[in-house]
PDB file of N, CA and C in Angstrom:
ATOM      1  N   UNK A   1       0.697   5.905-100.416  1.00  0.00           N
ATOM      2  CA  UNK A   1      -0.399   6.409-101.203  1.00  0.00           C
ATOM      3  C   UNK A   1      -1.306   5.238-101.526  1.00  0.00           C
ATOM      4  N   UNK A   2      -2.580   5.376-101.292  1.00  0.00           N
ATOM      5  CA  UNK A   2      -3.552   4.343-101.607  1.00  0.00           C
ATOM      6  C   UNK A   2      -4.384   4.770-102.786  1.00  0.00           C
ATOM      7  N   UNK A   3      -4.668   3.810-103.636  1.00  0.00           N
ATOM      8  CA  UNK A   3      -5.507   4.073-104.795  1.00  0.00           C
ATOM      9  C   UNK A   3      -6.942   3.698-104.463  1.00  0.00           C
ATOM     10  N   UNK A   4      -7.877   4.506-104.931  1.00  0.00           N
ATOM     11  CA  UNK A   4      -9.281   4.192-104.729  1.00  0.00           C
ATOM     12  C   UNK A   4      -9.828   3.345-105.877  1.00  0.00           C
ATOM     13  N   UNK A   5      -8.957   2.974-106.795  1.00  0.00           N
ATOM     14  CA  UNK A   5      -9.368   2.193-107.955  1.00  0.00           C
ATOM     15  C   UNK A   5      -9.617   0.757-107.525  1.00  0.00           C
ATOM     16  N   UNK A   6     -10.747   0.211-107.940  1.00  0.00           N
ATOM     17  CA  UNK A   6     -11.024  -1.193-107.695  1.00  0.00           C
ATOM     18  C   UNK A   6     -10.089  -1.981-108.600  1.00  0.00           C
ATOM     19  N   UNK A   7      -9.469  -2.996-108.043  1.00  0.00           N
ATOM     20  CA  UNK A   7      -8.503  -3.747-108.835  1.00  0.00           C
ATOM     21  C   UNK A   7      -9.218  -4.805-109.662  1.00  0.00           C
ATOM     22  N   UNK A   8      -9.354  -4.520-110.934  1.00  0.00           N
ATOM     23  CA  UNK A   8      -9.936  -5.423-111.911  1.00  0.00           C
ATOM     24  C   UNK A   8      -8.771  -5.990-112.697  1.00  0.00           C
ATOM     25  N   UNK A   9      -8.892  -7.195-113.190  1.00  0.00           N
ATOM     26  CA  UNK A   9      -7.820  -7.781-113.988  1.00  0.00           C
ATOM     27  C   UNK A   9      -7.755  -7.080-115.342  1.00  0.00           C
ATOM     28  N   UNK A  10      -6.792  -6.167-115.461  1.00  0.00           N
ATOM     29  CA  UNK A  10      -6.650  -5.393-116.685  1.00  0.00           C
ATOM     30  C   UNK A  10      -5.600  -5.973-117.620  1.00  0.00           C
ATOM     31  N   UNK A  11      -5.106  -7.181-117.331  1.00  0.00           N
ATOM     32  CA  UNK A  11      -4.031  -7.742-118.140  1.00  0.00           C
ATOM     33  C   UNK A  11      -4.429  -7.871-119.604  1.00  0.00           C
ATOM     34  N   UNK A  12      -5.716  -8.065-119.872  1.00  0.00           N
ATOM     35  CA  UNK A  12      -6.172  -8.208-121.249  1.00  0.00           C
ATOM     36  C   UNK A  12      -6.335  -6.857-121.944  1.00  0.00           C
ATOM     37  N   UNK A  13      -6.259  -5.754-121.191  1.00  0.00           N
ATOM     38  CA  UNK A  13      -6.428  -4.433-121.787  1.00  0.00           C
ATOM     39  C   UNK A  13      -5.084  -3.937-122.310  1.00  0.00           C
ATOM     40  N   UNK A  14      -5.068  -3.617-123.586  1.00  0.00           N
ATOM     41  CA  UNK A  14      -3.858  -3.118-124.222  1.00  0.00           C
ATOM     42  C   UNK A  14      -3.750  -1.614-124.027  1.00  0.00           C
ATOM     43  N   UNK A  15      -2.585  -1.158-123.599  1.00  0.00           N
ATOM     44  CA  UNK A  15      -2.307   0.265-123.436  1.00  0.00           C
ATOM     45  C   UNK A  15      -1.183   0.626-124.394  1.00  0.00           C
ATOM     46  N   UNK A  16      -1.372   1.710-125.155  1.00  0.00           N
ATOM     47  CA  UNK A  16      -0.329   2.109-126.097  1.00  0.00           C
ATOM     48  C   UNK A  16      -0.309   3.627-126.269  1.00  0.00           C
ATOM     49  N   UNK A  17       0.876   4.137-126.537  1.00  0.00           N
ATOM     50  CA  UNK A  17       1.009   5.573-126.797  1.00  0.00           C
ATOM     51  C   UNK A  17       0.744   5.887-128.266  1.00  0.00           C
ATOM     52  N   UNK A  18       0.659   4.862-129.092  1.00  0.00           N
ATOM     53  CA  UNK A  18       0.404   5.078-130.519  1.00  0.00           C
ATOM     54  C   UNK A  18      -1.086   5.283-130.764  1.00  0.00           C
ATOM     55  N   UNK A  19      -1.416   5.825-131.924  1.00  0.00           N
ATOM     56  CA  UNK A  19      -2.820   6.093-132.262  1.00  0.00           C
ATOM     57  C   UNK A  19      -3.482   4.930-132.990  1.00  0.00           C
ATOM     58  N   UNK A  20      -2.720   3.895-133.252  1.00  0.00           N
ATOM     59  CA  UNK A  20      -3.249   2.687-133.873  1.00  0.00           C
ATOM     60  C   UNK A  20      -2.661   1.493-133.147  1.00  0.00           C
ATOM     61  N   UNK A  21      -3.211   0.326-133.434  1.00  0.00           N
ATOM     62  CA  UNK A  21      -2.674  -0.913-132.894  1.00  0.00           C
ATOM     63  C   UNK A  21      -2.231  -1.734-134.103  1.00  0.00           C
ATOM     64  N   UNK A  22      -0.948  -1.831-134.283  1.00  0.00           N
ATOM     65  CA  UNK A  22      -0.407  -2.479-135.475  1.00  0.00           C
ATOM     66  C   UNK A  22      -0.961  -3.894-135.637  1.00  0.00           C
ATOM     67  N   UNK A  23      -1.505  -4.149-136.828  1.00  0.00           N
ATOM     68  CA  UNK A  23      -2.031  -5.461-137.142  1.00  0.00           C
ATOM     69  C   UNK A  23      -3.400  -5.756-136.553  1.00  0.00           C
ATOM     70  N   UNK A  24      -4.002  -4.799-135.880  1.00  0.00           N
ATOM     71  CA  UNK A  24      -5.310  -5.006-135.246  1.00  0.00           C
ATOM     72  C   UNK A  24      -6.299  -3.985-135.791  1.00  0.00           C
ATOM     73  N   UNK A  25      -7.574  -4.330-135.718  1.00  0.00           N
ATOM     74  CA  UNK A  25      -8.626  -3.446-136.200  1.00  0.00           C
ATOM     75  C   UNK A  25      -9.355  -2.814-135.030  1.00  0.00           C
ATOM     76  N   UNK A  26      -9.504  -1.490-135.074  1.00  0.00           N
ATOM     77  CA  UNK A  26     -10.287  -0.793-134.056  1.00  0.00           C
ATOM     78  C   UNK A  26     -11.733  -0.759-134.542  1.00  0.00           C
ATOM     79  N   UNK A  27     -12.632  -1.355-133.757  1.00  0.00           N
ATOM     80  CA  UNK A  27     -14.045  -1.426-134.127  1.00  0.00           C
ATOM     81  C   UNK A  27     -14.772  -0.136-133.803  1.00  0.00           C
ATOM     82  N   UNK A  28     -14.468   0.436-132.631  1.00  0.00           N
ATOM     83  CA  UNK A  28     -15.159   1.664-132.247  1.00  0.00           C
ATOM     84  C   UNK A  28     -14.315   2.465-131.264  1.00  0.00           C
ATOM     85  N   UNK A  29     -14.482   3.776-131.365  1.00  0.00           N
ATOM     86  CA  UNK A  29     -13.837   4.721-130.462  1.00  0.00           C
ATOM     87  C   UNK A  29     -14.873   5.091-129.407  1.00  0.00           C
ATOM     88  N   UNK A  30     -14.548   4.844-128.143  1.00  0.00           N
ATOM     89  CA  UNK A  30     -15.529   4.995-127.075  1.00  0.00           C
ATOM     90  C   UNK A  30     -15.412   6.301-126.302  1.00  0.00           C
ATOM     91  N   UNK A  31     -14.328   7.013-126.506  1.00  0.00           N
ATOM     92  CA  UNK A  31     -14.203   8.313-125.864  1.00  0.00           C
ATOM     93  C   UNK A  31     -12.890   8.507-125.133  1.00  0.00           C
ATOM     94  N   UNK A  32     -12.675   9.747-124.739  1.00  0.00           N
ATOM     95  CA  UNK A  32     -11.481  10.142-124.003  1.00  0.00           C
ATOM     96  C   UNK A  32     -11.591   9.653-122.560  1.00  0.00           C
ATOM     97  N   UNK A  33     -10.504   9.095-122.045  1.00  0.00           N
ATOM     98  CA  UNK A  33     -10.453   8.675-120.645  1.00  0.00           C
ATOM     99  C   UNK A  33      -9.197   9.265-120.007  1.00  0.00           C
ATOM    100  N   UNK A  34      -9.277   9.462-118.702  1.00  0.00           N
ATOM    101  CA  UNK A  34      -8.113   9.998-118.002  1.00  0.00           C
ATOM    102  C   UNK A  34      -8.060   9.432-116.595  1.00  0.00           C
ATOM    103  N   UNK A  35      -6.881   9.467-116.047  1.00  0.00           N
ATOM    104  CA  UNK A  35      -6.658   9.092-114.658  1.00  0.00           C
ATOM    105  C   UNK A  35      -5.717  10.111-114.062  1.00  0.00           C
ATOM    106  N   UNK A  36      -6.000  10.520-112.840  1.00  0.00           N
ATOM    107  CA  UNK A  36      -5.193  11.559-112.198  1.00  0.00           C
ATOM    108  C   UNK A  36      -4.818  11.119-110.795  1.00  0.00           C
ATOM    109  N   UNK A  37      -3.669  11.569-110.363  1.00  0.00           N
ATOM    110  CA  UNK A  37      -3.270  11.363-108.975  1.00  0.00           C
ATOM    111  C   UNK A  37      -2.389  12.524-108.546  1.00  0.00           C
ATOM    112  N   UNK A  38      -2.485  12.866-107.291  1.00  0.00           N
ATOM    113  CA  UNK A  38      -1.640  13.929-106.721  1.00  0.00           C
ATOM    114  C   UNK A  38      -0.950  13.345-105.502  1.00  0.00           C
ATOM    115  N   UNK A  39       0.361  13.509-105.448  1.00  0.00           N
ATOM    116  CA  UNK A  39       1.123  13.021-104.313  1.00  0.00           C
ATOM    117  C   UNK A  39       1.806  14.190-103.639  1.00  0.00           C
ATOM    118  N   UNK A  40       1.886  14.126-102.337  1.00  0.00           N
ATOM    119  CA  UNK A  40       2.548  15.169-101.565  1.00  0.00           C
ATOM    120  C   UNK A  40       3.953  14.737-101.199  1.00  0.00           C
ATOM    121  N   UNK A  41       4.848  15.693-101.139  1.00  0.00           N
ATOM    122  CA  UNK A  41       6.222  15.412-100.745  1.00  0.00           C
ATOM    123  C   UNK A  41       6.283  15.324 -99.226  1.00  0.00           C
ATOM    124  N   UNK A  42       6.914  14.299 -98.740  1.00  0.00           N
ATOM    125  CA  UNK A  42       7.089  14.104 -97.302  1.00  0.00           C
ATOM    126  C   UNK A  42       8.425  14.721 -96.905  1.00  0.00           C
ATOM    127  N   UNK A  43       8.406  15.638 -95.957  1.00  0.00           N
ATOM    128  CA  UNK A  43       9.621  16.375 -95.591  1.00  0.00           C
ATOM    129  C   UNK A  43      10.735  15.450 -95.107  1.00  0.00           C
ATOM    130  N   UNK A  44      10.395  14.375 -94.389  1.00  0.00           N
ATOM    131  CA  UNK A  44      11.432  13.461 -93.918  1.00  0.00           C
ATOM    132  C   UNK A  44      11.997  12.644 -95.070  1.00  0.00           C
ATOM    133  N   UNK A  45      11.125  12.212 -95.967  1.00  0.00           N
ATOM    134  CA  UNK A  45      11.590  11.473 -97.131  1.00  0.00           C
ATOM    135  C   UNK A  45      12.491  12.370 -97.972  1.00  0.00           C
ATOM    136  N   UNK A  46      12.099  13.644 -98.128  1.00  0.00           N
ATOM    137  CA  UNK A  46      12.918  14.602 -98.879  1.00  0.00           C
ATOM    138  C   UNK A  46      14.296  14.739 -98.261  1.00  0.00           C
ATOM    139  N   UNK A  47      14.320  14.889 -96.938  1.00  0.00           N
ATOM    140  CA  UNK A  47      15.586  15.095 -96.244  1.00  0.00           C
ATOM    141  C   UNK A  47      16.507  13.886 -96.412  1.00  0.00           C
ATOM    142  N   UNK A  48      15.975  12.694 -96.148  1.00  0.00           N
ATOM    143  CA  UNK A  48      16.813  11.506 -96.244  1.00  0.00           C
ATOM    144  C   UNK A  48      17.175  11.173 -97.687  1.00  0.00           C
ATOM    145  N   UNK A  49      16.303  11.466 -98.621  1.00  0.00           N
ATOM    146  CA  UNK A  49      16.631  11.233-100.026  1.00  0.00           C
ATOM    147  C   UNK A  49      17.805  12.097-100.435  1.00  0.00           C
ATOM    148  N   UNK A  50      17.818  13.321 -99.959  1.00  0.00           N
ATOM    149  CA  UNK A  50      18.900  14.228-100.342  1.00  0.00           C
ATOM    150  C   UNK A  50      20.224  13.815 -99.722  1.00  0.00           C
ATOM    151  N   UNK A  51      20.193  13.129 -98.581  1.00  0.00           N
ATOM    152  CA  UNK A  51      21.432  12.753 -97.902  1.00  0.00           C
ATOM    153  C   UNK A  51      21.880  11.337 -98.247  1.00  0.00           C
ATOM    154  N   UNK A  52      20.966  10.379 -98.164  1.00  0.00           N
ATOM    155  CA  UNK A  52      21.386   8.981 -98.242  1.00  0.00           C
ATOM    156  C   UNK A  52      20.989   8.252 -99.514  1.00  0.00           C
ATOM    157  N   UNK A  53      20.042   8.737-100.248  1.00  0.00           N
ATOM    158  CA  UNK A  53      19.487   7.943-101.335  1.00  0.00           C
ATOM    159  C   UNK A  53      19.965   8.362-102.713  1.00  0.00           C
ATOM    160  N   UNK A  54      20.651   9.455-102.832  1.00  0.00           N
ATOM    161  CA  UNK A  54      21.070   9.916-104.151  1.00  0.00           C
ATOM    162  C   UNK A  54      22.380   9.247-104.520  1.00  0.00           C
ATOM    163  N   UNK A  55      22.328   8.463-105.566  1.00  0.00           N
ATOM    164  CA  UNK A  55      23.507   7.762-106.065  1.00  0.00           C
ATOM    165  C   UNK A  55      23.589   8.047-107.554  1.00  0.00           C
ATOM    166  N   UNK A  56      24.670   8.673-107.965  1.00  0.00           N
ATOM    167  CA  UNK A  56      24.816   8.978-109.381  1.00  0.00           C
ATOM    168  C   UNK A  56      23.774   9.953-109.879  1.00  0.00           C
ATOM    169  N   UNK A  57      23.293  10.840-109.012  1.00  0.00           N
ATOM    170  CA  UNK A  57      22.322  11.846-109.437  1.00  0.00           C
ATOM    171  C   UNK A  57      20.888  11.353-109.458  1.00  0.00           C
ATOM    172  N   UNK A  58      20.630  10.129-108.984  1.00  0.00           N
ATOM    173  CA  UNK A  58      19.274   9.585-108.992  1.00  0.00           C
ATOM    174  C   UNK A  58      18.817   9.312-107.570  1.00  0.00           C
ATOM    175  N   UNK A  59      17.541   9.502-107.332  1.00  0.00           N
ATOM    176  CA  UNK A  59      16.967   9.240-106.021  1.00  0.00           C
ATOM    177  C   UNK A  59      15.985   8.083-106.130  1.00  0.00           C
ATOM    178  N   UNK A  60      16.356   6.946-105.545  1.00  0.00           N
ATOM    179  CA  UNK A  60      15.485   5.778-105.576  1.00  0.00           C
ATOM    180  C   UNK A  60      14.158   6.019-104.895  1.00  0.00           C
ATOM    181  N   UNK A  61      14.150   6.802-103.815  1.00  0.00           N
ATOM    182  CA  UNK A  61      12.900   7.084-103.095  1.00  0.00           C
ATOM    183  C   UNK A  61      11.943   7.869-103.983  1.00  0.00           C
ATOM    184  N   UNK A  62      12.454   8.891-104.660  1.00  0.00           N
ATOM    185  CA  UNK A  62      11.601   9.681-105.546  1.00  0.00           C
ATOM    186  C   UNK A  62      11.136   8.862-106.745  1.00  0.00           C
ATOM    187  N   UNK A  63      12.034   8.062-107.302  1.00  0.00           N
ATOM    188  CA  UNK A  63      11.652   7.239-108.450  1.00  0.00           C
ATOM    189  C   UNK A  63      10.548   6.260-108.080  1.00  0.00           C
ATOM    190  N   UNK A  64      10.609   5.707-106.879  1.00  0.00           N
ATOM    191  CA  UNK A  64       9.567   4.782-106.420  1.00  0.00           C
ATOM    192  C   UNK A  64       8.222   5.505-106.302  1.00  0.00           C
ATOM    193  N   UNK A  65       8.233   6.703-105.745  1.00  0.00           N
ATOM    194  CA  UNK A  65       6.998   7.478-105.597  1.00  0.00           C
ATOM    195  C   UNK A  65       6.448   7.878-106.965  1.00  0.00           C
ATOM    196  N   UNK A  66       7.309   8.286-107.881  1.00  0.00           N
ATOM    197  CA  UNK A  66       6.865   8.648-109.231  1.00  0.00           C
ATOM    198  C   UNK A  66       6.246   7.452-109.942  1.00  0.00           C
ATOM    199  N   UNK A  67       6.864   6.282-109.802  1.00  0.00           N
ATOM    200  CA  UNK A  67       6.320   5.077-110.437  1.00  0.00           C
ATOM    201  C   UNK A  67       4.954   4.746-109.858  1.00  0.00           C
ATOM    202  N   UNK A  68       4.831   4.858-108.540  1.00  0.00           N
ATOM    203  CA  UNK A  68       3.544   4.579-107.892  1.00  0.00           C
ATOM    204  C   UNK A  68       2.465   5.551-108.383  1.00  0.00           C
ATOM    205  N   UNK A  69       2.807   6.830-108.515  1.00  0.00           N
ATOM    206  CA  UNK A  69       1.848   7.825-108.999  1.00  0.00           C
ATOM    207  C   UNK A  69       1.450   7.531-110.442  1.00  0.00           C
ATOM    208  N   UNK A  70       2.426   7.188-111.279  1.00  0.00           N
ATOM    209  CA  UNK A  70       2.141   6.853-112.683  1.00  0.00           C
ATOM    210  C   UNK A  70       1.246   5.620-112.763  1.00  0.00           C
ATOM    211  N   UNK A  71       1.565   4.593-111.990  1.00  0.00           N
ATOM    212  CA  UNK A  71       0.770   3.365-111.990  1.00  0.00           C
ATOM    213  C   UNK A  71      -0.659   3.623-111.525  1.00  0.00           C
ATOM    214  N   UNK A  72      -0.834   4.488-110.534  1.00  0.00           N
ATOM    215  CA  UNK A  72      -2.173   4.826-110.041  1.00  0.00           C
ATOM    216  C   UNK A  72      -2.972   5.559-111.111  1.00  0.00           C
ATOM    217  N   UNK A  73      -2.344   6.525-111.782  1.00  0.00           N
ATOM    218  CA  UNK A  73      -3.028   7.274-112.848  1.00  0.00           C
ATOM    219  C   UNK A  73      -3.423   6.329-113.984  1.00  0.00           C
ATOM    220  N   UNK A  74      -2.531   5.410-114.367  1.00  0.00           N
ATOM    221  CA  UNK A  74      -2.851   4.457-115.434  1.00  0.00           C
ATOM    222  C   UNK A  74      -3.947   3.478-115.017  1.00  0.00           C
ATOM    223  N   UNK A  75      -3.957   3.067-113.747  1.00  0.00           N
ATOM    224  CA  UNK A  75      -5.016   2.173-113.261  1.00  0.00           C
ATOM    225  C   UNK A  75      -6.377   2.858-113.313  1.00  0.00           C
ATOM    226  N   UNK A  76      -6.420   4.146-112.961  1.00  0.00           N
ATOM    227  CA  UNK A  76      -7.679   4.898-113.046  1.00  0.00           C
ATOM    228  C   UNK A  76      -8.124   5.042-114.499  1.00  0.00           C
ATOM    229  N   UNK A  77      -7.173   5.293-115.396  1.00  0.00           N
ATOM    230  CA  UNK A  77      -7.482   5.393-116.818  1.00  0.00           C
ATOM    231  C   UNK A  77      -8.077   4.074-117.305  1.00  0.00           C
ATOM    232  N   UNK A  78      -7.467   2.955-116.929  1.00  0.00           N
ATOM    233  CA  UNK A  78      -7.966   1.643-117.332  1.00  0.00           C
ATOM    234  C   UNK A  78      -9.361   1.379-116.774  1.00  0.00           C
ATOM    235  N   UNK A  79      -9.607   1.753-115.517  1.00  0.00           N
ATOM    236  CA  UNK A  79     -10.922   1.547-114.912  1.00  0.00           C
ATOM    237  C   UNK A  79     -11.997   2.305-115.690  1.00  0.00           C
ATOM    238  N   UNK A  80     -11.706   3.538-116.054  1.00  0.00           N
ATOM    239  CA  UNK A  80     -12.679   4.331-116.812  1.00  0.00           C
ATOM    240  C   UNK A  80     -12.906   3.749-118.200  1.00  0.00           C
ATOM    241  N   UNK A  81     -11.844   3.256-118.828  1.00  0.00           N
ATOM    242  CA  UNK A  81     -11.975   2.626-120.144  1.00  0.00           C
ATOM    243  C   UNK A  81     -12.800   1.342-120.034  1.00  0.00           C
ATOM    244  N   UNK A  82     -12.538   0.568-119.004  1.00  0.00           N
ATOM    245  CA  UNK A  82     -13.274  -0.670-118.760  1.00  0.00           C
ATOM    246  C   UNK A  82     -14.768  -0.391-118.588  1.00  0.00           C
ATOM    247  N   UNK A  83     -15.098   0.674-117.858  1.00  0.00           N
ATOM    248  CA  UNK A  83     -16.497   1.046-117.645  1.00  0.00           C
ATOM    249  C   UNK A  83     -17.184   1.417-118.957  1.00  0.00           C
ATOM    250  N   UNK A  84     -16.418   1.875-119.950  1.00  0.00           N
ATOM    251  CA  UNK A  84     -16.982   2.208-121.260  1.00  0.00           C
ATOM    252  C   UNK A  84     -17.074   0.986-122.171  1.00  0.00           C
ATOM    253  N   UNK A  85     -16.536  -0.142-121.728  1.00  0.00           N
ATOM    254  CA  UNK A  85     -16.554  -1.359-122.537  1.00  0.00           C
ATOM    255  C   UNK A  85     -15.325  -1.514-123.420  1.00  0.00           C
ATOM    256  N   UNK A  86     -14.282  -0.778-123.140  1.00  0.00           N
ATOM    257  CA  UNK A  86     -13.066  -0.827-123.960  1.00  0.00           C
ATOM    258  C   UNK A  86     -12.207  -2.032-123.596  1.00  0.00           C
ATOM    259  N   UNK A  87     -11.428  -2.471-124.575  1.00  0.00           N
ATOM    260  CA  UNK A  87     -10.419  -3.488-124.304  1.00  0.00           C
ATOM    261  C   UNK A  87      -9.017  -2.977-124.647  1.00  0.00           C
ATOM    262  N   UNK A  88      -8.944  -1.675-124.989  1.00  0.00           N
ATOM    263  CA  UNK A  88      -7.653  -1.044-125.264  1.00  0.00           C
ATOM    264  C   UNK A  88      -7.771   0.461-125.074  1.00  0.00           C
ATOM    265  N   UNK A  89      -6.640   1.099-124.803  1.00  0.00           N
ATOM    266  CA  UNK A  89      -6.570   2.555-124.750  1.00  0.00           C
ATOM    267  C   UNK A  89      -5.391   2.957-125.625  1.00  0.00           C
ATOM    268  N   UNK A  90      -5.658   3.824-126.594  1.00  0.00           N
ATOM    269  CA  UNK A  90      -4.619   4.263-127.525  1.00  0.00           C
ATOM    270  C   UNK A  90      -4.284   5.736-127.288  1.00  0.00           C
ATOM    271  N   UNK A  91      -3.171   6.161-127.845  1.00  0.00           N
ATOM    272  CA  UNK A  91      -2.783   7.568-127.758  1.00  0.00           C
ATOM    273  C   UNK A  91      -2.532   8.045-126.345  1.00  0.00           C
ATOM    274  N   UNK A  92      -2.015   7.173-125.490  1.00  0.00           N
ATOM    275  CA  UNK A  92      -1.814   7.543-124.084  1.00  0.00           C
ATOM    276  C   UNK A  92      -0.712   8.586-123.957  1.00  0.00           C
ATOM    277  N   UNK A  93      -1.006   9.595-123.142  1.00  0.00           N
ATOM    278  CA  UNK A  93      -0.042  10.655-122.837  1.00  0.00           C
ATOM    279  C   UNK A  93       0.035  10.781-121.322  1.00  0.00           C
ATOM    280  N   UNK A  94       1.256  10.869-120.802  1.00  0.00           N
ATOM    281  CA  UNK A  94       1.468  11.073-119.370  1.00  0.00           C
ATOM    282  C   UNK A  94       2.023  12.467-119.150  1.00  0.00           C
ATOM    283  N   UNK A  95       1.401  13.208-118.257  1.00  0.00           N
ATOM    284  CA  UNK A  95       1.866  14.552-117.916  1.00  0.00           C
ATOM    285  C   UNK A  95       2.173  14.617-116.431  1.00  0.00           C
ATOM    286  N   UNK A  96       3.273  15.280-116.101  1.00  0.00           N
ATOM    287  CA  UNK A  96       3.703  15.477-114.723  1.00  0.00           C
ATOM    288  C   UNK A  96       3.766  16.972-114.467  1.00  0.00           C
ATOM    289  N   UNK A  97       3.143  17.429-113.384  1.00  0.00           N
ATOM    290  CA  UNK A  97       3.144  18.850-113.016  1.00  0.00           C
ATOM    291  C   UNK A  97       3.376  18.981-111.518  1.00  0.00           C
ATOM    292  N   UNK A  98       4.105  20.021-111.124  1.00  0.00           N
ATOM    293  CA  UNK A  98       4.239  20.313-109.701  1.00  0.00           C
ATOM    294  C   UNK A  98       3.166  21.318-109.316  1.00  0.00           C
ATOM    295  N   UNK A  99       2.664  21.174-108.104  1.00  0.00           N
ATOM    296  CA  UNK A  99       1.627  22.061-107.585  1.00  0.00           C
ATOM    297  C   UNK A  99       2.123  22.698-106.296  1.00  0.00           C
ATOM    298  N   UNK A 100       1.498  23.787-105.931  1.00  0.00           N
ATOM    299  CA  UNK A 100       1.916  24.477-104.716  1.00  0.00           C
ATOM    300  C   UNK A 100       3.306  25.038-104.925  1.00  0.00           C
ATOM    301  N   UNK A 101       4.105  24.984-103.922  1.00  0.00           N
ATOM    302  CA  UNK A 101       5.493  25.442-104.018  1.00  0.00           C
ATOM    303  C   UNK A 101       6.406  24.268-104.332  1.00  0.00           C
ATOM    304  N   UNK A 102       5.946  23.392-105.189  1.00  0.00           N
ATOM    305  CA  UNK A 102       6.721  22.205-105.504  1.00  0.00           C
ATOM    306  C   UNK A 102       6.548  21.114-104.477  1.00  0.00           C
ATOM    307  N   UNK A 103       5.582  21.289-103.573  1.00  0.00           N
ATOM    308  CA  UNK A 103       5.384  20.315-102.503  1.00  0.00           C
ATOM    309  C   UNK A 103       4.485  19.158-102.922  1.00  0.00           C
ATOM    310  N   UNK A 104       3.829  19.260-104.072  1.00  0.00           N
ATOM    311  CA  UNK A 104       2.968  18.187-104.554  1.00  0.00           C
ATOM    312  C   UNK A 104       3.241  17.954-106.028  1.00  0.00           C
ATOM    313  N   UNK A 105       3.036  16.719-106.440  1.00  0.00           N
ATOM    314  CA  UNK A 105       3.214  16.340-107.837  1.00  0.00           C
ATOM    315  C   UNK A 105       1.909  15.750-108.345  1.00  0.00           C
ATOM    316  N   UNK A 106       1.474  16.205-109.509  1.00  0.00           N
ATOM    317  CA  UNK A 106       0.274  15.667-110.135  1.00  0.00           C
ATOM    318  C   UNK A 106       0.694  14.889-111.380  1.00  0.00           C
ATOM    319  N   UNK A 107       0.139  13.686-111.517  1.00  0.00           N
ATOM    320  CA  UNK A 107       0.375  12.856-112.697  1.00  0.00           C
ATOM    321  C   UNK A 107      -0.975  12.633-113.353  1.00  0.00           C
ATOM    322  N   UNK A 108      -1.066  12.924-114.641  1.00  0.00           N
ATOM    323  CA  UNK A 108      -2.302  12.740-115.407  1.00  0.00           C
ATOM    324  C   UNK A 108      -2.002  11.846-116.601  1.00  0.00           C
ATOM    325  N   UNK A 109      -2.811  10.800-116.754  1.00  0.00           N
ATOM    326  CA  UNK A 109      -2.725   9.904-117.913  1.00  0.00           C
ATOM    327  C   UNK A 109      -4.001  10.091-118.720  1.00  0.00           C
ATOM    328  N   UNK A 110      -3.870  10.375-120.011  1.00  0.00           N
ATOM    329  CA  UNK A 110      -5.045  10.509-120.885  1.00  0.00           C
ATOM    330  C   UNK A 110      -4.870   9.616-122.104  1.00  0.00           C
ATOM    331  N   UNK A 111      -5.987   9.214-122.682  1.00  0.00           N
ATOM    332  CA  UNK A 111      -5.951   8.393-123.877  1.00  0.00           C
ATOM    333  C   UNK A 111      -7.352   8.227-124.427  1.00  0.00           C
ATOM    334  N   UNK A 112      -7.465   7.477-125.505  1.00  0.00           N
ATOM    335  CA  UNK A 112      -8.745   7.208-126.140  1.00  0.00           C
ATOM    336  C   UNK A 112      -9.112   5.736-125.921  1.00  0.00           C
ATOM    337  N   UNK A 113     -10.247   5.507-125.286  1.00  0.00           N
ATOM    338  CA  UNK A 113     -10.735   4.154-125.057  1.00  0.00           C
ATOM    339  C   UNK A 113     -11.307   3.617-126.360  1.00  0.00           C
ATOM    340  N   UNK A 114     -10.933   2.402-126.717  1.00  0.00           N
ATOM    341  CA  UNK A 114     -11.405   1.793-127.954  1.00  0.00           C
ATOM    342  C   UNK A 114     -11.804   0.344-127.725  1.00  0.00           C
ATOM    343  N   UNK A 115     -12.645  -0.136-128.618  1.00  0.00           N
ATOM    344  CA  UNK A 115     -12.965  -1.559-128.704  1.00  0.00           C
ATOM    345  C   UNK A 115     -12.244  -2.044-129.945  1.00  0.00           C
ATOM    346  N   UNK A 116     -11.334  -3.002-129.756  1.00  0.00           N
ATOM    347  CA  UNK A 116     -10.529  -3.483-130.867  1.00  0.00           C
ATOM    348  C   UNK A 116     -10.599  -5.007-130.948  1.00  0.00           C
ATOM    349  N   UNK A 117     -10.324  -5.516-132.129  1.00  0.00           N
ATOM    350  CA  UNK A 117     -10.200  -6.958-132.311  1.00  0.00           C
ATOM    351  C   UNK A 117      -8.753  -7.290-132.007  1.00  0.00           C
ATOM    352  N   UNK A 118      -8.511  -7.882-130.844  1.00  0.00           N
ATOM    353  CA  UNK A 118      -7.134  -8.171-130.418  1.00  0.00           C
ATOM    354  C   UNK A 118      -6.733  -9.561-130.764  1.00  0.00           C
TER     355      UNK A 118
END
């Protein structure tokens, strides 16, 4: 899966699921931002994951794909926040949904872009 997000150095951007940043002041709320990605299930990956990759009830192949989808959604969220002039995103929520007959997975990251004194 390739991301269309331009890779900007987001290391200085704080991401949090909380609605505040402890010990920091939020100067302005810049708006709601979101990032979305949809991944399709590969039939061969599914087959081999079910046979060779499941250890203790976990599938490393699926976990890798889920992490990649989550990271892509968060990168898009950060890009949109950056375009608004934000240096942090608060109240982040991650949602996972299956689409079609379970053949695709959608990951959506939403949050509030803010300008904060970090």
